[in-house]
């Protein structure tokens, strides 16, 4: 436990940031699963919509620093490959 007032504040803000980053990473995973299910079910229009939403969230997470920019690029490339498999 920190003894210094500023460090107590840093602990509080770091825990808030950690939860925010977790929310971004978790949402990206959830949207990836939704895209996969849309592709496997053969719904091209839904797959395109899910892909659009997923790339938005990936970009937002990378901009905030929740995920590394190379990780974001890799996830977007994987999503694009997945979308192209759906025939759209």
C-alpha atoms as a PDB file:
ATOM      1  CA  UNK A   1       0.000   0.000   0.000  1.00  0.00           C
ATOM      2  CA  UNK A   2       1.476   3.378  -0.945  1.00  0.00           C
ATOM      3  CA  UNK A   3       2.373   5.872   1.752  1.00  0.00           C
ATOM      4  CA  UNK A   4       2.483   8.890  -0.553  1.00  0.00           C
ATOM      5  CA  UNK A   5      -0.717  10.697  -1.490  1.00  0.00           C
ATOM      6  CA  UNK A   6       0.165  10.976  -5.201  1.00  0.00           C
ATOM      7  CA  UNK A   7       0.924   7.255  -5.371  1.00  0.00           C
ATOM      8  CA  UNK A   8      -2.462   6.452  -3.811  1.00  0.00           C
ATOM      9  CA  UNK A   9      -4.053   8.497  -6.591  1.00  0.00           C
ATOM     10  CA  UNK A  10      -1.944   6.684  -9.227  1.00  0.00           C
ATOM     11  CA  UNK A  11      -3.136   3.322  -7.872  1.00  0.00           C
ATOM     12  CA  UNK A  12      -6.761   4.475  -8.162  1.00  0.00           C
ATOM     13  CA  UNK A  13      -6.357   5.844 -11.691  1.00  0.00           C
ATOM     14  CA  UNK A  14      -4.351   2.792 -12.836  1.00  0.00           C
ATOM     15  CA  UNK A  15      -7.127   0.467 -11.700  1.00  0.00           C
ATOM     16  CA  UNK A  16      -9.673   2.579 -13.599  1.00  0.00           C
ATOM     17  CA  UNK A  17      -7.503   2.466 -16.729  1.00  0.00           C
ATOM     18  CA  UNK A  18      -7.006  -1.283 -16.347  1.00  0.00           C
ATOM     19  CA  UNK A  19     -10.770  -1.833 -16.334  1.00  0.00           C
ATOM     20  CA  UNK A  20     -11.182   0.428 -19.366  1.00  0.00           C
ATOM     21  CA  UNK A  21      -8.499  -1.478 -21.289  1.00  0.00           C
ATOM     22  CA  UNK A  22     -10.119  -4.760 -20.293  1.00  0.00           C
ATOM     23  CA  UNK A  23     -13.435  -3.511 -21.680  1.00  0.00           C
ATOM     24  CA  UNK A  24     -11.845  -2.678 -25.038  1.00  0.00           C
ATOM     25  CA  UNK A  25      -9.998  -5.996 -25.321  1.00  0.00           C
ATOM     26  CA  UNK A  26     -13.047  -7.973 -24.275  1.00  0.00           C
ATOM     27  CA  UNK A  27     -15.302  -6.175 -26.764  1.00  0.00           C
ATOM     28  CA  UNK A  28     -12.841  -6.851 -29.587  1.00  0.00           C
ATOM     29  CA  UNK A  29     -12.877 -10.569 -28.725  1.00  0.00           C
ATOM     30  CA  UNK A  30     -16.677 -10.641 -28.567  1.00  0.00           C
ATOM     31  CA  UNK A  31     -17.042  -8.861 -31.917  1.00  0.00           C
ATOM     32  CA  UNK A  32     -14.517 -11.259 -33.474  1.00  0.00           C
ATOM     33  CA  UNK A  33     -16.631 -14.207 -32.341  1.00  0.00           C
ATOM     34  CA  UNK A  34     -19.748 -12.540 -33.772  1.00  0.00           C
ATOM     35  CA  UNK A  35     -17.980 -12.057 -37.113  1.00  0.00           C
ATOM     36  CA  UNK A  36     -16.920 -15.714 -37.140  1.00  0.00           C
ATOM     37  CA  UNK A  37     -20.476 -16.868 -36.440  1.00  0.00           C
ATOM     38  CA  UNK A  38     -21.867 -14.589 -39.176  1.00  0.00           C
ATOM     39  CA  UNK A  39     -19.349 -15.973 -41.675  1.00  0.00           C
ATOM     40  CA  UNK A  40     -20.015 -19.614 -40.756  1.00  0.00           C
ATOM     41  CA  UNK A  41     -23.781 -19.106 -40.976  1.00  0.00           C
ATOM     42  CA  UNK A  42     -23.346 -17.606 -44.449  1.00  0.00           C
ATOM     43  CA  UNK A  43     -24.974 -14.244 -43.720  1.00  0.00           C
ATOM     44  CA  UNK A  44     -22.907 -11.937 -45.939  1.00  0.00           C
ATOM     45  CA  UNK A  45     -24.686  -8.694 -45.025  1.00  0.00           C
ATOM     46  CA  UNK A  46     -24.454  -9.368 -41.288  1.00  0.00           C
ATOM     47  CA  UNK A  47     -20.791 -10.354 -41.702  1.00  0.00           C
ATOM     48  CA  UNK A  48     -20.028  -7.029 -43.418  1.00  0.00           C
ATOM     49  CA  UNK A  49     -21.769  -5.110 -40.626  1.00  0.00           C
ATOM     50  CA  UNK A  50     -19.918  -7.075 -37.934  1.00  0.00           C
ATOM     51  CA  UNK A  51     -16.603  -6.491 -39.733  1.00  0.00           C
ATOM     52  CA  UNK A  52     -17.243  -2.743 -39.865  1.00  0.00           C
ATOM     53  CA  UNK A  53     -18.030  -2.640 -36.156  1.00  0.00           C
ATOM     54  CA  UNK A  54     -15.018  -4.806 -35.288  1.00  0.00           C
ATOM     55  CA  UNK A  55     -12.549  -2.623 -37.194  1.00  0.00           C
ATOM     56  CA  UNK A  56     -13.952   0.478 -35.459  1.00  0.00           C
ATOM     57  CA  UNK A  57     -13.400  -1.063 -32.047  1.00  0.00           C
ATOM     58  CA  UNK A  58      -9.922  -2.334 -32.943  1.00  0.00           C
ATOM     59  CA  UNK A  59      -8.881   1.132 -34.134  1.00  0.00           C
ATOM     60  CA  UNK A  60     -10.324   2.729 -31.013  1.00  0.00           C
ATOM     61  CA  UNK A  61      -8.537   0.239 -28.737  1.00  0.00           C
ATOM     62  CA  UNK A  62      -5.211   0.830 -30.505  1.00  0.00           C
ATOM     63  CA  UNK A  63      -5.629   4.612 -30.319  1.00  0.00           C
ATOM     64  CA  UNK A  64      -6.255   4.402 -26.580  1.00  0.00           C
ATOM     65  CA  UNK A  65      -3.312   2.054 -26.053  1.00  0.00           C
ATOM     66  CA  UNK A  66      -5.445  -0.855 -24.870  1.00  0.00           C
ATOM     67  CA  UNK A  67      -3.783  -3.004 -27.541  1.00  0.00           C
ATOM     68  CA  UNK A  68      -0.535  -2.517 -29.437  1.00  0.00           C
ATOM     69  CA  UNK A  69      -0.811  -1.073 -32.948  1.00  0.00           C
ATOM     70  CA  UNK A  70       0.807  -4.162 -34.496  1.00  0.00           C
ATOM     71  CA  UNK A  71      -1.715  -6.350 -32.681  1.00  0.00           C
ATOM     72  CA  UNK A  72      -4.483  -4.122 -34.032  1.00  0.00           C
ATOM     73  CA  UNK A  73      -3.142  -4.460 -37.579  1.00  0.00           C
ATOM     74  CA  UNK A  74      -2.898  -8.238 -37.212  1.00  0.00           C
ATOM     75  CA  UNK A  75      -6.454  -8.552 -35.857  1.00  0.00           C
ATOM     76  CA  UNK A  76      -7.811  -6.364 -38.672  1.00  0.00           C
ATOM     77  CA  UNK A  77      -5.990  -8.473 -41.272  1.00  0.00           C
ATOM     78  CA  UNK A  78      -7.381 -11.662 -39.738  1.00  0.00           C
ATOM     79  CA  UNK A  79     -10.874 -10.164 -39.751  1.00  0.00           C
ATOM     80  CA  UNK A  80     -10.515  -9.146 -43.408  1.00  0.00           C
ATOM     81  CA  UNK A  81      -9.373 -12.659 -44.307  1.00  0.00           C
ATOM     82  CA  UNK A  82     -12.348 -14.076 -42.443  1.00  0.00           C
ATOM     83  CA  UNK A  83     -14.723 -11.715 -44.244  1.00  0.00           C
ATOM     84  CA  UNK A  84     -13.304 -12.613 -47.650  1.00  0.00           C
ATOM     85  CA  UNK A  85     -14.044 -16.263 -46.875  1.00  0.00           C
ATOM     86  CA  UNK A  86     -17.722 -15.405 -46.547  1.00  0.00           C
ATOM     87  CA  UNK A  87     -17.872 -14.508 -50.234  1.00  0.00           C
ATOM     88  CA  UNK A  88     -18.641 -10.830 -49.782  1.00  0.00           C
END
